[in-house]
């Protein structure tokens, strides 16, 4: 049974914070979201609110490209968490 209707997806707060930790860096990413699912055929509307967060750390000697990879991996992880959260609520 597929979803037939429309969906409005809004990210209401995105925060990416880089901080220093002992011998390294930490990146914290969080976001809040709202989803409105509308099924016109049965006049049904569902609203989902949620938030997800993730973090990554890098210690020791590292290059800027390695740090960029930690940021990208953390961003990818937050999208995966968002997908799982949405799947569990739909």
Protein backbone atom coordinates (compact mmCIF):
# COMPACT_ATOMS: atom_id res chain seq x y z
CA UNK A 1 0.00 0.00 0.00
CA UNK A 2 1.79 3.13 -1.21
CA UNK A 3 1.18 6.66 -0.09
CA UNK A 4 -1.09 8.60 -2.42
CA UNK A 5 -1.41 12.26 -1.64
CA UNK A 6 1.02 15.01 -0.89
CA UNK A 7 3.63 15.67 1.72
CA UNK A 8 5.05 18.91 3.08
CA UNK A 9 8.43 18.43 4.76
CA UNK A 10 9.96 21.32 6.71
CA UNK A 11 13.24 21.50 8.58
CA UNK A 12 12.55 24.04 11.29
CA UNK A 13 15.95 24.11 12.97
CA UNK A 14 19.33 22.92 11.71
CA UNK A 15 22.34 23.32 13.97
CA UNK A 16 25.90 22.29 13.22
CA UNK A 17 28.39 23.01 15.99
CA UNK A 18 32.12 22.34 15.93
CA UNK A 19 33.90 22.28 19.27
CA UNK A 20 37.33 21.45 20.60
CA UNK A 21 37.76 18.36 22.73
CA UNK A 22 40.90 16.97 24.34
CA UNK A 23 43.32 16.34 21.46
CA UNK A 24 40.71 16.81 18.75
CA UNK A 25 37.47 18.20 17.40
CA UNK A 26 33.82 17.25 17.76
CA UNK A 27 30.96 18.04 15.43
CA UNK A 28 27.38 18.03 16.74
CA UNK A 29 24.49 18.22 14.28
CA UNK A 30 20.82 18.42 15.14
CA UNK A 31 17.64 19.29 13.33
CA UNK A 32 13.93 19.52 14.01
CA UNK A 33 11.34 18.72 11.39
CA UNK A 34 7.65 18.80 10.65
CA UNK A 35 5.90 16.62 8.12
CA UNK A 36 2.32 17.04 6.97
CA UNK A 37 0.88 14.08 5.07
CA UNK A 38 -2.35 14.76 3.24
CA UNK A 39 -4.49 12.01 1.70
CA UNK A 40 -7.20 13.87 -0.20
CA UNK A 41 -8.98 10.68 -1.28
CA UNK A 42 -10.00 9.97 2.32
CA UNK A 43 -9.77 13.52 3.71
CA UNK A 44 -7.05 12.45 6.12
CA UNK A 45 -4.18 14.60 7.36
CA UNK A 46 -1.32 13.45 9.58
CA UNK A 47 1.20 15.78 11.21
CA UNK A 48 4.53 14.45 12.43
CA UNK A 49 6.96 16.45 14.56
CA UNK A 50 10.40 15.24 15.49
CA UNK A 51 14.05 15.95 16.00
CA UNK A 52 17.23 13.99 15.42
CA UNK A 53 20.86 14.51 16.32
CA UNK A 54 24.24 12.95 15.70
CA UNK A 55 27.88 13.66 16.42
CA UNK A 56 31.33 12.74 15.22
CA UNK A 57 34.78 13.15 16.75
CA UNK A 58 38.32 13.15 15.48
CA UNK A 59 41.39 13.03 17.72
CA UNK A 60 45.12 13.12 17.25
CA UNK A 61 46.77 14.54 14.16
CA UNK A 62 44.37 14.85 11.25
CA UNK A 63 44.09 16.68 7.96
CA UNK A 64 41.38 19.12 6.94
CA UNK A 65 40.04 16.56 4.46
CA UNK A 66 39.73 13.98 7.25
CA UNK A 67 37.80 16.53 9.31
CA UNK A 68 35.58 17.31 6.29
CA UNK A 69 34.87 13.57 6.04
CA UNK A 70 33.80 13.46 9.70
CA UNK A 71 31.36 16.32 9.02
CA UNK A 72 30.01 14.59 5.88
CA UNK A 73 29.65 11.26 7.72
CA UNK A 74 27.80 12.96 10.58
CA UNK A 75 25.49 14.68 8.07
CA UNK A 76 24.84 11.33 6.38
CA UNK A 77 24.14 9.72 9.75
CA UNK A 78 21.60 12.39 10.68
CA UNK A 79 19.74 11.81 7.39
CA UNK A 80 19.69 8.06 8.12
CA UNK A 81 18.34 8.74 11.63
CA UNK A 82 15.73 11.11 10.16
CA UNK A 83 14.63 8.43 7.68
CA UNK A 84 14.30 5.80 10.42
CA UNK A 85 12.40 8.20 12.67
CA UNK A 86 9.97 9.08 9.88
CA UNK A 87 9.52 5.45 8.92
CA UNK A 88 8.56 4.57 12.48
CA UNK A 89 5.96 7.36 12.65
CA UNK A 90 4.24 7.03 9.27
